[in-house]
Amino acid sequence: MTQPVTLGGRPTMPPPGAPSEELLIARFRGHARRLFWSALVLIAVFGATAYFFDNLPEPFENWMLLSAAGAVVLLLVVVPYIVWFSRTTTVTTRRVIVNQGIGSRSRREMSHARGYTIGVRRGLAQRLWGAGTITLSNGVDAPLRLLNVPNVTLVHETLADQIEVSQILAHRDAQSSYDGPGEF
C-alpha cells in the first residue's frame, strides 16, 4: 500500500484511489475600487447637507434637504455596496464557485479536474489597482467571468496550479486503477 506524501507530518497528497478532501484556498469579492464613486458621493452629500441645513429660508426645506440626501445616499451608496457585497468567488482544491444575487441567489461552478483555459484581461484602471478580469472556459459550458479580481496575478497562478494538481491526481488515480498488484 502506498503511503501519502507528507510534509512535516501532514499529508500533502492523498494515496492513490482515496478521495481527496476539498479545502478552501481563497474567498474574495470584486475589487473595492468599484465603491470609490459611492464613497465620493457619500462625502459630498454629507458636506452639502451640513452646509445647507438651517441655512434655508423655510424650516420645512430642511426636511426636504434631509429626505433628498437620504434618497441619494440610499441609491448611490447603499445599493452599490449591497450589490458589491452580494457577489463572492470561492476557490477550493476541487472547483471555483461564484455566488451572486441579492433577493435570489445564483451559483456557478467550474471543476478543476475537467480543466479549463484561463484568460486574463486588465484595463488601464485595473492595472493601476492590481485587479483584472479572469475568464474561465472549458469549451463545453458558458465561460465563467470573474470581474475585478483583486491580486489577479496571484489568483491566476493559483488557478493554474490547481488545474495541474487536479490533472495529476486524476491521471495517477486512473493509472492506479488499471495497474493491479504485480502487474505492469
Protein backbone atom coordinates (compact mmCIF):
# COMPACT_ATOMS: atom_id res chain seq x y z
CA MET A 1 0.00 0.00 0.00
CA THR A 2 1.31 3.43 -0.94
CA GLN A 3 1.67 5.93 1.89
CA PRO A 4 0.54 9.53 1.33
CA VAL A 5 3.22 12.10 0.63
CA THR A 6 3.78 14.13 3.80
CA LEU A 7 5.25 17.49 4.61
CA GLY A 8 6.05 17.97 8.28
CA GLY A 9 3.85 15.01 9.23
CA ARG A 10 0.85 16.45 7.36
CA PRO A 11 -0.31 14.71 4.16
CA THR A 12 0.01 16.83 1.01
CA MET A 13 -1.48 14.29 -1.40
CA PRO A 14 -3.94 11.51 -0.70
CA PRO A 15 -2.93 7.96 -1.52
CA PRO A 16 -3.99 6.71 -4.96
CA GLY A 17 -7.69 5.92 -5.19
CA ALA A 18 -8.57 7.71 -1.95
CA PRO A 19 -10.91 10.68 -2.24
CA SER A 20 -9.18 13.99 -1.67
CA GLU A 21 -10.56 16.42 0.86
CA GLU A 22 -11.93 19.69 -0.51
CA LEU A 23 -10.09 22.57 1.13
CA LEU A 24 -10.73 26.30 0.91
CA ILE A 25 -7.96 28.16 -0.89
CA ALA A 26 -9.44 31.66 -1.24
CA ARG A 27 -12.69 33.55 -0.91
CA PHE A 28 -12.87 37.07 -2.32
CA ARG A 29 -15.13 39.76 -3.72
CA GLY A 30 -14.51 42.06 -6.65
CA HIS A 31 -12.01 44.84 -6.06
CA ALA A 32 -13.41 47.57 -3.78
CA ARG A 33 -12.32 50.29 -6.22
CA ARG A 34 -15.81 49.94 -7.62
CA LEU A 35 -17.05 51.68 -4.46
CA PHE A 36 -14.83 54.75 -4.99
CA TRP A 37 -17.58 56.84 -6.57
CA SER A 38 -20.03 55.81 -3.87
CA ALA A 39 -17.60 56.98 -1.20
CA LEU A 40 -17.14 60.27 -3.02
CA VAL A 41 -20.93 60.76 -3.28
CA LEU A 42 -21.29 60.00 0.45
CA ILE A 43 -18.72 62.64 1.38
CA ALA A 44 -20.27 65.23 -0.96
CA VAL A 45 -23.82 64.60 0.28
CA PHE A 46 -22.80 64.89 3.93
CA GLY A 47 -20.82 68.06 3.23
CA ALA A 48 -23.65 69.69 1.25
CA THR A 49 -26.25 68.66 3.83
CA ALA A 50 -24.18 70.04 6.70
CA TYR A 51 -23.62 73.30 4.83
CA PHE A 52 -27.23 73.91 3.78
CA PHE A 53 -29.01 72.62 6.91
CA ASP A 54 -30.54 75.54 8.84
CA ASN A 55 -29.35 77.95 6.10
CA LEU A 56 -32.51 77.54 4.04
CA PRO A 57 -35.26 80.18 4.14
CA GLU A 58 -38.13 77.95 5.28
CA PRO A 59 -37.97 75.34 8.10
CA PHE A 60 -39.73 72.64 6.03
CA GLU A 61 -36.95 72.89 3.44
CA ASN A 62 -34.57 71.35 6.00
CA TRP A 63 -36.72 68.21 5.98
CA MET A 64 -36.79 68.23 2.19
CA LEU A 65 -32.99 68.53 2.20
CA LEU A 66 -32.63 65.59 4.59
CA SER A 67 -35.08 63.49 2.57
CA ALA A 68 -33.23 64.21 -0.69
CA ALA A 69 -29.86 63.47 0.95
CA GLY A 70 -31.23 60.18 2.33
CA ALA A 71 -32.57 59.16 -1.10
CA VAL A 72 -29.27 59.97 -2.82
CA VAL A 73 -27.28 58.04 -0.19
CA LEU A 74 -29.65 55.08 -0.48
CA LEU A 75 -29.50 54.92 -4.29
CA LEU A 76 -25.87 55.84 -4.92
CA VAL A 77 -24.11 54.48 -1.82
CA VAL A 78 -26.10 51.73 -0.08
CA VAL A 79 -27.38 49.90 -3.19
CA PRO A 80 -23.94 49.69 -4.90
CA TYR A 81 -22.41 48.44 -1.63
CA ILE A 82 -25.07 45.72 -1.25
CA VAL A 83 -24.56 44.64 -4.89
CA TRP A 84 -20.78 44.51 -4.39
CA PHE A 85 -21.15 42.62 -1.09
CA SER A 86 -23.54 40.05 -2.60
CA ARG A 87 -21.03 38.72 -5.16
CA THR A 88 -18.41 36.29 -3.86
CA THR A 89 -15.93 33.97 -5.52
CA THR A 90 -14.61 30.89 -3.72
CA VAL A 91 -11.64 28.83 -4.90
CA THR A 92 -11.25 25.37 -3.36
CA THR A 93 -8.98 22.46 -4.15
CA ARG A 94 -11.72 20.99 -6.38
CA ARG A 95 -13.57 23.88 -8.01
CA VAL A 96 -14.26 27.58 -8.48
CA ILE A 97 -17.64 28.76 -7.14
CA VAL A 98 -19.26 32.12 -7.98
CA ASN A 99 -22.27 33.19 -5.88
CA GLN A 100 -24.23 36.33 -6.71
CA GLY A 101 -27.60 37.88 -6.17
CA ILE A 102 -29.49 39.90 -3.59
CA GLY A 103 -33.04 38.51 -3.50
CA SER A 104 -32.49 35.29 -5.39
CA ARG A 105 -29.04 33.75 -5.37
CA SER A 106 -27.38 32.18 -8.37
CA ARG A 107 -24.38 29.87 -8.19
CA ARG A 108 -21.99 28.75 -10.90
CA GLU A 109 -19.19 26.24 -10.51
CA MET A 110 -16.29 25.05 -12.61
CA SER A 111 -14.31 21.95 -11.69
CA HIS A 112 -10.51 21.97 -11.79
CA ALA A 113 -10.44 18.28 -12.77
CA ARG A 114 -12.26 18.92 -16.06
CA GLY A 115 -9.67 21.51 -16.98
CA TYR A 116 -10.26 24.94 -18.44
CA THR A 117 -8.44 27.77 -20.09
CA ILE A 118 -7.70 30.90 -18.13
CA GLY A 119 -7.93 34.28 -19.84
CA VAL A 120 -6.88 37.46 -18.07
CA ARG A 121 -7.84 40.95 -19.23
CA ARG A 122 -6.58 44.05 -17.46
CA GLY A 123 -7.64 47.54 -18.44
CA LEU A 124 -5.65 50.63 -17.56
CA ALA A 125 -7.55 51.35 -14.34
CA GLN A 126 -7.40 47.67 -13.37
CA ARG A 127 -3.62 47.61 -13.83
CA LEU A 128 -3.26 50.67 -11.59
CA TRP A 129 -5.19 48.90 -8.82
CA GLY A 130 -3.66 45.43 -9.39
CA ALA A 131 -7.00 43.98 -10.47
CA GLY A 132 -8.25 42.27 -13.61
CA THR A 133 -10.98 40.16 -15.17
CA ILE A 134 -10.44 36.40 -15.37
CA THR A 135 -12.40 34.29 -17.85
CA LEU A 136 -12.52 30.53 -17.30
CA SER A 137 -13.64 28.42 -20.26
CA ASN A 138 -13.76 24.63 -20.54
CA GLY A 139 -15.15 24.55 -24.08
CA VAL A 140 -18.45 22.96 -23.03
CA ASP A 141 -20.18 25.29 -20.60
CA ALA A 142 -20.60 29.04 -20.88
CA PRO A 143 -17.43 30.88 -19.84
CA LEU A 144 -17.22 31.88 -16.18
CA ARG A 145 -16.17 35.52 -15.76
CA LEU A 146 -14.62 36.74 -12.53
CA LEU A 147 -14.88 40.54 -12.66
CA ASN A 148 -12.41 42.94 -11.00
CA VAL A 149 -10.43 40.23 -9.23
CA PRO A 150 -8.01 41.75 -6.70
CA ASN A 151 -4.41 40.45 -6.99
CA VAL A 152 -5.30 38.99 -10.36
CA THR A 153 -1.79 37.61 -10.99
CA LEU A 154 -1.83 35.62 -7.75
CA VAL A 155 -5.33 34.27 -8.43
CA HIS A 156 -4.30 33.32 -11.99
CA GLU A 157 -1.26 31.40 -10.74
CA THR A 158 -3.33 29.68 -8.05
CA LEU A 159 -5.96 28.54 -10.57
CA ALA A 160 -3.26 27.26 -12.95
CA ASP A 161 -1.65 25.31 -10.09
CA GLN A 162 -4.98 23.81 -9.04
CA ILE A 163 -5.70 22.64 -12.60
CA GLU A 164 -2.28 21.00 -12.74
CA VAL A 165 -2.66 19.27 -9.36
CA SER A 166 -6.16 18.04 -10.24
CA GLN A 167 -4.95 16.69 -13.57
CA ILE A 168 -2.01 14.92 -11.89
CA LEU A 169 -4.27 13.35 -9.26
CA ALA A 170 -6.81 12.26 -11.87
CA HIS A 171 -4.07 10.73 -14.06
CA ARG A 172 -2.47 8.99 -11.07
CA ASP A 173 -5.82 7.58 -9.93
CA ALA A 174 -6.60 6.38 -13.46
CA GLN A 175 -3.20 4.66 -13.70
CA SER A 176 -3.53 3.02 -10.28
CA SER A 177 -6.97 1.62 -11.16
CA TYR A 178 -5.54 -0.13 -14.25
CA ASP A 179 -2.44 -1.50 -12.52
CA GLY A 180 -3.22 -4.40 -10.24
CA PRO A 181 -0.82 -5.87 -7.73
CA GLY A 182 2.15 -7.30 -9.53
CA GLU A 183 1.01 -6.10 -12.97
CA PHE A 184 2.87 -3.71 -15.21
